[in-house]
Amino acid sequence: MSSTTTSAAPAASNNASSSEIIPGSSKDVPWYNATAPNISAPMRELLLNYSHIPVDSQVEHAVAIREKAYAIHPYPCLGLWAFLRLHLQASPLFGSIVEELKTKPDALFVDIGTGLGQEIRSLIAAGVPVNRVRGVELEPQFNELGCELFRDGEVVGPCLLVGDILLDEGEQSLAHLRGKVSIFHAASFFHLWDWEGQINVACRMVDLMQPRVGVRMLGRQIGSIKAQAKVHETNKNGQTMWKHDPDSFAKMWVEVGAKTKTKWDVKAELGKPYVKLDERTGQWWHDPDTRTIIWSIVRVE
């Protein structure tokens, strides 16, 4: 694997502090929405035409799957119904990704931290061969629930991997992908670590990619107007998350490039505010500076 030497994070507002970790699968948190979901039009179409689930049955089906998944781990993407939005399909890069995966025999798309796997289903529904995609998830039950959500286990099951990016060997190591990945998708993934952890993970991802110019990654995660470290209760074991602004995200990839002897063209922008008021306590779930950061990178050297 690539070097994992840690380094100092860039200067930033550091709001790291102790925080009570939400026990088990508690629903008494601001990121659990008990209201029935408003399924987006693209997801409705996917569930109807790909999974053959009638529109009038989709909400009940989604609620049942969400409750099972949330009991495994109370991620905000589950509590807030984010898994019912197809962010990759909405990306301006979606068309070129589909084209590459359809036409290049060595192309391989890996969705790291795939969750319930909605993004890889959007690719398959667009005509991408199943053998050109992989969904990697640490929780095997999420892979199973994704197959239950989309009713495609026999077809997609073989491309769903249980893997840990931090392992060098063993059944859950991703070493068998080394040198094979042409496109990585990483949504709500990097923010699971602090600055040093993200450097480590990024280097390991580069190590799994095809060693050539033109390979790329894209994704989205929690960011901030001002880059900062933040202890947040949605991360397991109270792990500090590093919340990037566009400058700090670009600096991270300069450092990753130096460690992996690669160079990357980085595009990153901040989206809408990502805050939610807990009406029961009057407390904000995230601080007002929090934004989604949407990014894409391409190897240029």
C-alpha atoms as a PDB file:
ATOM      1  CA  MET A   1       0.000   0.000   0.000  1.00  0.00           C
ATOM      2  CA  SER A   2       0.956   3.632  -0.368  1.00  0.00           C
ATOM      3  CA  SER A   3       2.729   5.484   2.393  1.00  0.00           C
ATOM      4  CA  THR A   4       0.631   6.140   5.465  1.00  0.00           C
ATOM      5  CA  THR A   5       2.899   8.648   7.196  1.00  0.00           C
ATOM      6  CA  THR A   6       0.762  11.215   8.934  1.00  0.00           C
ATOM      7  CA  SER A   7       1.114  14.940   8.578  1.00  0.00           C
ATOM      8  CA  ALA A   8      -0.149  18.102  10.151  1.00  0.00           C
ATOM      9  CA  ALA A   9      -3.484  19.420   8.978  1.00  0.00           C
ATOM     10  CA  PRO A  10      -3.583  22.941   7.511  1.00  0.00           C
ATOM     11  CA  ALA A  11      -4.419  25.777   9.831  1.00  0.00           C
ATOM     12  CA  ALA A  12      -8.139  25.878  10.470  1.00  0.00           C
ATOM     13  CA  SER A  13     -10.844  26.638  12.938  1.00  0.00           C
ATOM     14  CA  ASN A  14     -10.703  23.678  15.319  1.00  0.00           C
ATOM     15  CA  ASN A  15     -13.978  23.009  17.063  1.00  0.00           C
ATOM     16  CA  ALA A  16     -13.058  19.490  18.176  1.00  0.00           C
ATOM     17  CA  SER A  17     -14.610  18.709  21.526  1.00  0.00           C
ATOM     18  CA  SER A  18     -15.981  15.763  23.402  1.00  0.00           C
ATOM     19  CA  SER A  19     -19.440  14.656  22.379  1.00  0.00           C
ATOM     20  CA  GLU A  20     -21.805  12.021  23.662  1.00  0.00           C
ATOM     21  CA  ILE A  21     -22.055   9.163  21.202  1.00  0.00           C
ATOM     22  CA  ILE A  22     -25.599   8.175  20.324  1.00  0.00           C
ATOM     23  CA  PRO A  23     -26.123   4.653  21.673  1.00  0.00           C
ATOM     24  CA  GLY A  24     -27.290   1.825  19.447  1.00  0.00           C
ATOM     25  CA  SER A  25     -29.897   2.788  16.891  1.00  0.00           C
ATOM     26  CA  SER A  26     -31.531   5.633  18.833  1.00  0.00           C
ATOM     27  CA  LYS A  27     -34.223   7.553  17.003  1.00  0.00           C
ATOM     28  CA  ASP A  28     -34.139  10.361  19.547  1.00  0.00           C
ATOM     29  CA  VAL A  29     -31.716  12.352  17.394  1.00  0.00           C
ATOM     30  CA  PRO A  30     -32.164  15.275  14.994  1.00  0.00           C
ATOM     31  CA  TRP A  31     -31.127  13.204  11.975  1.00  0.00           C
ATOM     32  CA  TYR A  32     -33.941  10.670  12.269  1.00  0.00           C
ATOM     33  CA  ASN A  33     -36.935  11.720  10.191  1.00  0.00           C
ATOM     34  CA  ALA A  34     -39.991   9.696  11.184  1.00  0.00           C
ATOM     35  CA  THR A  35     -42.092  11.207   8.404  1.00  0.00           C
ATOM     36  CA  ALA A  36     -42.743   9.019   5.371  1.00  0.00           C
ATOM     37  CA  PRO A  37     -40.253   9.852   2.610  1.00  0.00           C
ATOM     38  CA  ASN A  38     -40.939  11.949  -0.456  1.00  0.00           C
ATOM     39  CA  ILE A  39     -39.226   9.688  -2.987  1.00  0.00           C
ATOM     40  CA  SER A  40     -37.518  11.688  -5.736  1.00  0.00           C
ATOM     41  CA  ALA A  41     -38.689  11.249  -9.319  1.00  0.00           C
ATOM     42  CA  PRO A  42     -35.431   9.568 -10.480  1.00  0.00           C
ATOM     43  CA  MET A  43     -35.614   7.083  -7.599  1.00  0.00           C
ATOM     44  CA  ARG A  44     -39.302   6.412  -8.261  1.00  0.00           C
ATOM     45  CA  GLU A  45     -38.413   5.643 -11.858  1.00  0.00           C
ATOM     46  CA  LEU A  46     -35.535   3.381 -10.795  1.00  0.00           C
ATOM     47  CA  LEU A  47     -37.694   1.426  -8.351  1.00  0.00           C
ATOM     48  CA  LEU A  48     -40.472   1.132 -10.932  1.00  0.00           C
ATOM     49  CA  ASN A  49     -38.540   0.274 -14.096  1.00  0.00           C
ATOM     50  CA  TYR A  50     -35.473  -1.440 -12.647  1.00  0.00           C
ATOM     51  CA  SER A  51     -36.894  -3.122  -9.536  1.00  0.00           C
ATOM     52  CA  HIS A  52     -40.490  -3.436 -10.815  1.00  0.00           C
ATOM     53  CA  ILE A  53     -41.942  -2.022  -7.607  1.00  0.00           C
ATOM     54  CA  PRO A  54     -45.269  -0.218  -8.222  1.00  0.00           C
ATOM     55  CA  VAL A  55     -45.246   3.454  -7.308  1.00  0.00           C
ATOM     56  CA  ASP A  56     -47.993   3.009  -4.723  1.00  0.00           C
ATOM     57  CA  SER A  57     -45.909   0.367  -2.909  1.00  0.00           C
ATOM     58  CA  GLN A  58     -42.591   2.208  -2.913  1.00  0.00           C
ATOM     59  CA  VAL A  59     -42.939   4.251   0.271  1.00  0.00           C
ATOM     60  CA  GLU A  60     -43.949   1.269   2.385  1.00  0.00           C
ATOM     61  CA  HIS A  61     -41.092  -0.750   0.896  1.00  0.00           C
ATOM     62  CA  ALA A  62     -38.540   2.006   1.545  1.00  0.00           C
ATOM     63  CA  VAL A  63     -39.709   2.493   5.128  1.00  0.00           C
ATOM     64  CA  ALA A  64     -39.313  -1.211   5.884  1.00  0.00           C
ATOM     65  CA  ILE A  65     -35.782  -1.321   4.480  1.00  0.00           C
ATOM     66  CA  ARG A  66     -34.754   1.910   6.237  1.00  0.00           C
ATOM     67  CA  GLU A  67     -35.856   0.591   9.624  1.00  0.00           C
ATOM     68  CA  LYS A  68     -33.797  -2.577   9.194  1.00  0.00           C
ATOM     69  CA  ALA A  69     -30.728  -0.637   8.060  1.00  0.00           C
ATOM     70  CA  TYR A  70     -31.015   2.023  10.772  1.00  0.00           C
ATOM     71  CA  ALA A  71     -31.057  -0.709  13.410  1.00  0.00           C
ATOM     72  CA  ILE A  72     -27.608  -1.783  12.190  1.00  0.00           C
ATOM     73  CA  HIS A  73     -26.118   1.716  12.459  1.00  0.00           C
ATOM     74  CA  PRO A  74     -27.966   5.055  12.731  1.00  0.00           C
ATOM     75  CA  TYR A  75     -26.242   6.854   9.874  1.00  0.00           C
ATOM     76  CA  PRO A  76     -27.771  10.206   8.892  1.00  0.00           C
ATOM     77  CA  CYS A  77     -28.059   9.051   5.278  1.00  0.00           C
ATOM     78  CA  LEU A  78     -30.565   6.495   6.557  1.00  0.00           C
ATOM     79  CA  GLY A  79     -32.310   8.664   9.127  1.00  0.00           C
ATOM     80  CA  LEU A  80     -32.784  11.506   6.632  1.00  0.00           C
ATOM     81  CA  TRP A  81     -33.726   9.286   3.667  1.00  0.00           C
ATOM     82  CA  ALA A  82     -30.645  10.369   1.693  1.00  0.00           C
ATOM     83  CA  PHE A  83     -30.321   6.892   0.188  1.00  0.00           C
ATOM     84  CA  LEU A  84     -33.447   7.682  -1.831  1.00  0.00           C
ATOM     85  CA  ARG A  85     -31.640  10.419  -3.780  1.00  0.00           C
ATOM     86  CA  LEU A  86     -29.504   9.576  -6.821  1.00  0.00           C
ATOM     87  CA  HIS A  87     -26.680  12.090  -6.546  1.00  0.00           C
ATOM     88  CA  LEU A  88     -24.431  10.346  -9.063  1.00  0.00           C
ATOM     89  CA  GLN A  89     -27.132  10.341 -11.734  1.00  0.00           C
ATOM     90  CA  ALA A  90     -27.579  14.079 -11.175  1.00  0.00           C
ATOM     91  CA  SER A  91     -23.848  14.746 -11.627  1.00  0.00           C
ATOM     92  CA  PRO A  92     -22.714  16.360 -14.888  1.00  0.00           C
ATOM     93  CA  LEU A  93     -20.096  13.580 -15.037  1.00  0.00           C
ATOM     94  CA  PHE A  94     -22.688  10.795 -15.096  1.00  0.00           C
ATOM     95  CA  GLY A  95     -22.901  10.600 -18.896  1.00  0.00           C
ATOM     96  CA  SER A  96     -19.144  10.323 -19.397  1.00  0.00           C
ATOM     97  CA  ILE A  97     -18.907   7.712 -16.639  1.00  0.00           C
ATOM     98  CA  VAL A  98     -21.608   5.589 -18.268  1.00  0.00           C
ATOM     99  CA  GLU A  99     -19.893   5.942 -21.644  1.00  0.00           C
ATOM    100  CA  GLU A 100     -16.502   4.898 -20.258  1.00  0.00           C
ATOM    101  CA  LEU A 101     -17.927   1.892 -18.458  1.00  0.00           C
ATOM    102  CA  LYS A 102     -19.841   0.782 -21.549  1.00  0.00           C
ATOM    103  CA  THR A 103     -17.012   1.147 -24.044  1.00  0.00           C
ATOM    104  CA  LYS A 104     -13.703   0.484 -22.295  1.00  0.00           C
ATOM    105  CA  PRO A 105     -13.165  -3.198 -21.520  1.00  0.00           C
ATOM    106  CA  ASP A 106     -10.796  -2.522 -18.610  1.00  0.00           C
ATOM    107  CA  ALA A 107     -12.989   0.151 -16.985  1.00  0.00           C
ATOM    108  CA  LEU A 108     -14.054  -0.531 -13.407  1.00  0.00           C
ATOM    109  CA  PHE A 109     -16.230   1.688 -11.219  1.00  0.00           C
ATOM    110  CA  VAL A 110     -16.022   1.198  -7.448  1.00  0.00           C
ATOM    111  CA  ASP A 111     -18.489   2.826  -5.058  1.00  0.00           C
ATOM    112  CA  ILE A 112     -16.596   2.804  -1.754  1.00  0.00           C
ATOM    113  CA  GLY A 113     -18.886   2.888   1.271  1.00  0.00           C
ATOM    114  CA  THR A 114     -21.775   1.997  -1.000  1.00  0.00           C
ATOM    115  CA  GLY A 115     -24.407   1.757   1.750  1.00  0.00           C
ATOM    116  CA  LEU A 116     -27.540   0.363   0.129  1.00  0.00           C
ATOM    117  CA  GLY A 117     -25.977   0.673  -3.325  1.00  0.00           C
ATOM    118  CA  GLN A 118     -28.380   3.083  -4.999  1.00  0.00           C
ATOM    119  CA  GLU A 119     -25.654   4.704  -7.091  1.00  0.00           C
ATOM    120  CA  ILE A 120     -24.411   1.493  -8.729  1.00  0.00           C
ATOM    121  CA  ARG A 121     -28.015   0.561  -9.528  1.00  0.00           C
ATOM    122  CA  SER A 122     -28.403   3.852 -11.376  1.00  0.00           C
ATOM    123  CA  LEU A 123     -25.408   2.902 -13.524  1.00  0.00           C
ATOM    124  CA  ILE A 124     -26.715  -0.593 -14.246  1.00  0.00           C
ATOM    125  CA  ALA A 125     -30.137   0.828 -15.131  1.00  0.00           C
ATOM    126  CA  ALA A 126     -28.363   3.152 -17.590  1.00  0.00           C
ATOM    127  CA  GLY A 127     -26.916   0.143 -19.392  1.00  0.00           C
ATOM    128  CA  VAL A 128     -23.561  -0.343 -17.694  1.00  0.00           C
ATOM    129  CA  PRO A 129     -22.574  -4.043 -17.569  1.00  0.00           C
ATOM    130  CA  VAL A 130     -22.783  -5.433 -14.046  1.00  0.00           C
ATOM    131  CA  ASN A 131     -19.221  -6.739 -14.228  1.00  0.00           C
ATOM    132  CA  ARG A 132     -17.933  -3.159 -14.613  1.00  0.00           C
ATOM    133  CA  VAL A 133     -19.178  -2.035 -11.187  1.00  0.00           C
ATOM    134  CA  ARG A 134     -18.389  -2.928  -7.605  1.00  0.00           C
ATOM    135  CA  GLY A 135     -20.006  -1.745  -4.405  1.00  0.00           C
ATOM    136  CA  VAL A 136     -17.774  -1.964  -1.326  1.00  0.00           C
ATOM    137  CA  GLU A 137     -19.350  -1.898   2.107  1.00  0.00           C
ATOM    138  CA  LEU A 138     -17.973  -2.616   5.573  1.00  0.00           C
ATOM    139  CA  GLU A 139     -21.362  -3.785   6.856  1.00  0.00           C
ATOM    140  CA  PRO A 140     -22.388  -6.985   4.996  1.00  0.00           C
ATOM    141  CA  GLN A 141     -26.002  -6.535   6.051  1.00  0.00           C
ATOM    142  CA  PHE A 142     -26.165  -3.268   4.092  1.00  0.00           C
ATOM    143  CA  ASN A 143     -25.293  -5.186   0.916  1.00  0.00           C
ATOM    144  CA  GLU A 144     -28.067  -7.662   1.688  1.00  0.00           C
ATOM    145  CA  LEU A 145     -30.573  -4.903   2.407  1.00  0.00           C
ATOM    146  CA  GLY A 146     -29.613  -3.138  -0.816  1.00  0.00           C
ATOM    147  CA  CYS A 147     -30.494  -6.296  -2.713  1.00  0.00           C
ATOM    148  CA  GLU A 148     -33.764  -6.430  -0.801  1.00  0.00           C
ATOM    149  CA  LEU A 149     -34.475  -2.776  -1.591  1.00  0.00           C
ATOM    150  CA  PHE A 150     -33.844  -3.201  -5.322  1.00  0.00           C
ATOM    151  CA  ARG A 151     -34.882  -6.866  -5.595  1.00  0.00           C
ATOM    152  CA  ASP A 152     -31.823  -7.758  -7.660  1.00  0.00           C
ATOM    153  CA  GLY A 153     -29.702  -9.979  -5.445  1.00  0.00           C
ATOM    154  CA  GLU A 154     -29.149 -12.699  -8.035  1.00  0.00           C
ATOM    155  CA  VAL A 155     -27.885 -10.180 -10.572  1.00  0.00           C
ATOM    156  CA  VAL A 156     -26.022  -7.606  -8.488  1.00  0.00           C
ATOM    157  CA  GLY A 157     -25.092  -9.674  -5.437  1.00  0.00           C
ATOM    158  CA  PRO A 158     -21.790 -10.953  -6.916  1.00  0.00           C
ATOM    159  CA  CYS A 159     -20.510  -7.391  -7.483  1.00  0.00           C
ATOM    160  CA  LEU A 160     -21.145  -6.330  -3.869  1.00  0.00           C
ATOM    161  CA  LEU A 161     -18.029  -6.718  -1.748  1.00  0.00           C
ATOM    162  CA  VAL A 162     -17.537  -6.689   2.002  1.00  0.00           C
ATOM    163  CA  GLY A 163     -14.292  -4.779   2.354  1.00  0.00           C
ATOM    164  CA  ASP A 164     -12.219  -2.500   4.541  1.00  0.00           C
ATOM    165  CA  ILE A 165      -9.968   0.038   2.814  1.00  0.00           C
ATOM    166  CA  LEU A 166      -7.661   0.022   5.854  1.00  0.00           C
ATOM    167  CA  LEU A 167      -6.788  -3.687   5.683  1.00  0.00           C
ATOM    168  CA  ASP A 168      -3.701  -4.882   3.822  1.00  0.00           C
ATOM    169  CA  GLU A 169      -4.625  -8.567   3.957  1.00  0.00           C
ATOM    170  CA  GLY A 170      -7.410 -10.926   4.998  1.00  0.00           C
ATOM    171  CA  GLU A 171     -10.872 -11.684   3.653  1.00  0.00           C
ATOM    172  CA  GLN A 172     -11.981  -8.052   3.807  1.00  0.00           C
ATOM    173  CA  SER A 173      -8.843  -6.615   2.224  1.00  0.00           C
ATOM    174  CA  LEU A 174      -9.292  -4.874  -1.113  1.00  0.00           C
ATOM    175  CA  ALA A 175      -5.809  -5.857  -2.294  1.00  0.00           C
ATOM    176  CA  HIS A 176      -7.335  -7.912  -5.132  1.00  0.00           C
ATOM    177  CA  LEU A 177      -8.474  -4.613  -6.707  1.00  0.00           C
ATOM    178  CA  ARG A 178      -4.962  -3.144  -6.772  1.00  0.00           C
ATOM    179  CA  GLY A 179      -4.249  -1.539 -10.136  1.00  0.00           C
ATOM    180  CA  LYS A 180      -7.751  -2.248 -11.511  1.00  0.00           C
ATOM    181  CA  VAL A 181     -10.018   0.676 -10.574  1.00  0.00           C
ATOM    182  CA  SER A 182     -10.556   3.425 -13.159  1.00  0.00           C
ATOM    183  CA  ILE A 183     -13.276   5.380 -11.312  1.00  0.00           C
ATOM    184  CA  PHE A 184     -13.859   5.685  -7.580  1.00  0.00           C
ATOM    185  CA  HIS A 185     -17.064   7.119  -6.165  1.00  0.00           C
ATOM    186  CA  ALA A 186     -16.896   8.115  -2.492  1.00  0.00           C
ATOM    187  CA  ALA A 187     -19.977   9.760  -0.997  1.00  0.00           C
ATOM    188  CA  SER A 188     -20.276  10.484   2.736  1.00  0.00           C
ATOM    189  CA  PHE A 189     -17.000   8.609   3.088  1.00  0.00           C
ATOM    190  CA  PHE A 190     -13.915  10.742   3.684  1.00  0.00           C
ATOM    191  CA  HIS A 191     -15.563  12.678   6.503  1.00  0.00           C
ATOM    192  CA  LEU A 192     -15.513   9.486   8.585  1.00  0.00           C
ATOM    193  CA  TRP A 193     -11.854  10.331   9.362  1.00  0.00           C
ATOM    194  CA  ASP A 194      -9.715  13.191  10.582  1.00  0.00           C
ATOM    195  CA  TRP A 195      -7.081  14.859   8.387  1.00  0.00           C
ATOM    196  CA  GLU A 196      -4.440  12.170   8.832  1.00  0.00           C
ATOM    197  CA  GLY A 197      -6.985   9.405   8.361  1.00  0.00           C
ATOM    198  CA  GLN A 198      -8.228  10.924   5.111  1.00  0.00           C
ATOM    199  CA  ILE A 199      -4.664  11.152   3.792  1.00  0.00           C
ATOM    200  CA  ASN A 200      -4.159   7.479   4.614  1.00  0.00           C
ATOM    201  CA  VAL A 201      -7.421   6.394   2.988  1.00  0.00           C
ATOM    202  CA  ALA A 202      -6.813   8.520  -0.118  1.00  0.00           C
ATOM    203  CA  CYS A 203      -3.344   7.004  -0.596  1.00  0.00           C
ATOM    204  CA  ARG A 204      -4.801   3.533  -0.321  1.00  0.00           C
ATOM    205  CA  MET A 205      -7.447   4.364  -2.903  1.00  0.00           C
ATOM    206  CA  VAL A 206      -4.785   5.656  -5.308  1.00  0.00           C
ATOM    207  CA  ASP A 207      -2.936   2.362  -4.830  1.00  0.00           C
ATOM    208  CA  LEU A 208      -6.009   0.461  -6.059  1.00  0.00           C
ATOM    209  CA  MET A 209      -6.361   2.562  -9.207  1.00  0.00           C
ATOM    210  CA  GLN A 210      -5.002   1.844 -12.644  1.00  0.00           C
ATOM    211  CA  PRO A 211      -1.517   3.421 -12.780  1.00  0.00           C
ATOM    212  CA  ARG A 212      -2.225   5.892 -15.555  1.00  0.00           C
ATOM    213  CA  VAL A 213      -3.291   9.428 -16.343  1.00  0.00           C
ATOM    214  CA  GLY A 214      -7.045   9.878 -16.663  1.00  0.00           C
ATOM    215  CA  VAL A 215      -8.310   7.769 -13.791  1.00  0.00           C
ATOM    216  CA  ARG A 216     -10.685   9.714 -11.604  1.00  0.00           C
ATOM    217  CA  MET A 217     -12.656   9.978  -8.388  1.00  0.00           C
ATOM    218  CA  LEU A 218     -15.749  11.900  -7.459  1.00  0.00           C
ATOM    219  CA  GLY A 219     -17.976  12.280  -4.444  1.00  0.00           C
ATOM    220  CA  ARG A 220     -19.510  14.478  -1.791  1.00  0.00           C
ATOM    221  CA  GLN A 221     -19.330  14.771   1.981  1.00  0.00           C
ATOM    222  CA  ILE A 222     -19.745  17.079   4.936  1.00  0.00           C
ATOM    223  CA  GLY A 223     -17.626  20.213   4.506  1.00  0.00           C
ATOM    224  CA  SER A 224     -17.458  23.728   5.880  1.00  0.00           C
ATOM    225  CA  ILE A 225     -16.951  27.359   4.904  1.00  0.00           C
ATOM    226  CA  LYS A 226     -13.838  27.145   7.104  1.00  0.00           C
ATOM    227  CA  ALA A 227     -11.932  23.852   7.202  1.00  0.00           C
ATOM    228  CA  GLN A 228     -12.116  22.425  10.689  1.00  0.00           C
ATOM    229  CA  ALA A 229     -11.855  19.324  12.840  1.00  0.00           C
ATOM    230  CA  LYS A 230     -15.105  18.324  14.471  1.00  0.00           C
ATOM    231  CA  VAL A 231     -16.048  15.538  16.845  1.00  0.00           C
ATOM    232  CA  HIS A 232     -19.472  14.419  15.731  1.00  0.00           C
ATOM    233  CA  GLU A 233     -21.706  11.801  17.260  1.00  0.00           C
ATOM    234  CA  THR A 234     -22.668  10.276  13.912  1.00  0.00           C
ATOM    235  CA  ASN A 235     -19.126   8.936  13.503  1.00  0.00           C
ATOM    236  CA  LYS A 236     -18.449   5.634  15.197  1.00  0.00           C
ATOM    237  CA  ASN A 237     -16.475   5.758  18.451  1.00  0.00           C
ATOM    238  CA  GLY A 238     -16.458   9.545  18.457  1.00  0.00           C
ATOM    239  CA  GLN A 239     -13.982   9.728  15.563  1.00  0.00           C
ATOM    240  CA  THR A 240     -13.085  13.311  14.688  1.00  0.00           C
ATOM    241  CA  MET A 241     -14.164  14.308  11.192  1.00  0.00           C
ATOM    242  CA  TRP A 242     -12.140  16.764   9.133  1.00  0.00           C
ATOM    243  CA  LYS A 243     -14.581  19.083   7.386  1.00  0.00           C
ATOM    244  CA  HIS A 244     -12.953  20.435   4.236  1.00  0.00           C
ATOM    245  CA  ASP A 245     -13.395  23.687   2.457  1.00  0.00           C
ATOM    246  CA  PRO A 246     -12.354  23.637  -1.241  1.00  0.00           C
ATOM    247  CA  ASP A 247      -8.834  24.873  -0.464  1.00  0.00           C
ATOM    248  CA  SER A 248      -8.099  22.270   2.188  1.00  0.00           C
ATOM    249  CA  PHE A 249      -9.489  19.516  -0.044  1.00  0.00           C
ATOM    250  CA  ALA A 250      -7.122  20.590  -2.828  1.00  0.00           C
ATOM    251  CA  LYS A 251      -4.206  20.738  -0.366  1.00  0.00           C
ATOM    252  CA  MET A 252      -4.964  17.208   0.770  1.00  0.00           C
ATOM    253  CA  TRP A 253      -4.596  15.940  -2.772  1.00  0.00           C
ATOM    254  CA  VAL A 254      -1.300  17.782  -3.212  1.00  0.00           C
ATOM    255  CA  GLU A 255      -0.051  15.842  -0.201  1.00  0.00           C
ATOM    256  CA  VAL A 256      -1.546  12.581  -1.428  1.00  0.00           C
ATOM    257  CA  GLY A 257       0.116  13.191  -4.777  1.00  0.00           C
ATOM    258  CA  ALA A 258       3.501  13.698  -3.141  1.00  0.00           C
ATOM    259  CA  LYS A 259       3.145  10.451  -1.198  1.00  0.00           C
ATOM    260  CA  THR A 260       1.950   8.404  -4.183  1.00  0.00           C
ATOM    261  CA  LYS A 261       4.060  10.096  -6.883  1.00  0.00           C
ATOM    262  CA  THR A 262       0.931  11.223  -8.705  1.00  0.00           C
ATOM    263  CA  LYS A 263      -0.644  14.585  -9.547  1.00  0.00           C
ATOM    264  CA  TRP A 264      -4.352  15.395  -9.570  1.00  0.00           C
ATOM    265  CA  ASP A 265      -6.564  18.104 -11.049  1.00  0.00           C
ATOM    266  CA  VAL A 266      -9.012  18.911  -8.258  1.00  0.00           C
ATOM    267  CA  LYS A 267     -12.421  20.551  -8.531  1.00  0.00           C
ATOM    268  CA  ALA A 268     -14.425  21.172  -5.359  1.00  0.00           C
ATOM    269  CA  GLU A 269     -17.301  23.440  -4.462  1.00  0.00           C
ATOM    270  CA  LEU A 270     -19.529  24.002  -1.483  1.00  0.00           C
ATOM    271  CA  GLY A 271     -23.237  23.320  -1.695  1.00  0.00           C
ATOM    272  CA  LYS A 272     -26.159  24.437   0.418  1.00  0.00           C
ATOM    273  CA  PRO A 273     -25.998  24.812   4.205  1.00  0.00           C
ATOM    274  CA  TYR A 274     -26.098  21.449   5.957  1.00  0.00           C
ATOM    275  CA  VAL A 275     -27.680  22.227   9.293  1.00  0.00           C
ATOM    276  CA  LYS A 276     -30.764  20.992  11.063  1.00  0.00           C
ATOM    277  CA  LEU A 277     -32.388  22.316  14.190  1.00  0.00           C
ATOM    278  CA  ASP A 278     -33.464  19.749  16.755  1.00  0.00           C
ATOM    279  CA  GLU A 279     -36.879  21.158  17.575  1.00  0.00           C
ATOM    280  CA  ARG A 280     -36.939  19.270  20.871  1.00  0.00           C
ATOM    281  CA  THR A 281     -33.777  20.866  22.269  1.00  0.00           C
ATOM    282  CA  GLY A 282     -33.338  24.001  20.162  1.00  0.00           C
ATOM    283  CA  GLN A 283     -29.810  22.830  19.294  1.00  0.00           C
ATOM    284  CA  TRP A 284     -28.277  22.801  15.829  1.00  0.00           C
ATOM    285  CA  TRP A 285     -27.127  19.411  14.586  1.00  0.00           C
ATOM    286  CA  HIS A 286     -24.292  21.025  12.577  1.00  0.00           C
ATOM    287  CA  ASP A 287     -22.866  24.512  12.993  1.00  0.00           C
ATOM    288  CA  PRO A 288     -24.020  27.222  10.573  1.00  0.00           C
ATOM    289  CA  ASP A 289     -20.737  27.068   8.606  1.00  0.00           C
ATOM    290  CA  THR A 290     -21.386  23.465   7.559  1.00  0.00           C
ATOM    291  CA  ARG A 291     -21.933  22.761   3.876  1.00  0.00           C
ATOM    292  CA  THR A 292     -21.896  19.782   1.569  1.00  0.00           C
ATOM    293  CA  ILE A 293     -18.678  19.736  -0.451  1.00  0.00           C
ATOM    294  CA  ILE A 294     -18.998  18.230  -3.935  1.00  0.00           C
ATOM    295  CA  TRP A 295     -15.765  17.255  -5.643  1.00  0.00           C
ATOM    296  CA  SER A 296     -14.110  15.449  -8.527  1.00  0.00           C
ATOM    297  CA  ILE A 297     -10.469  14.759  -9.294  1.00  0.00           C
ATOM    298  CA  VAL A 298      -8.609  13.444 -12.334  1.00  0.00           C
ATOM    299  CA  ARG A 299      -5.051  12.135 -12.439  1.00  0.00           C
ATOM    300  CA  VAL A 300      -2.895  14.293 -14.699  1.00  0.00           C
ATOM    301  CA  GLU A 301       0.582  12.875 -13.959  1.00  0.00           C
END
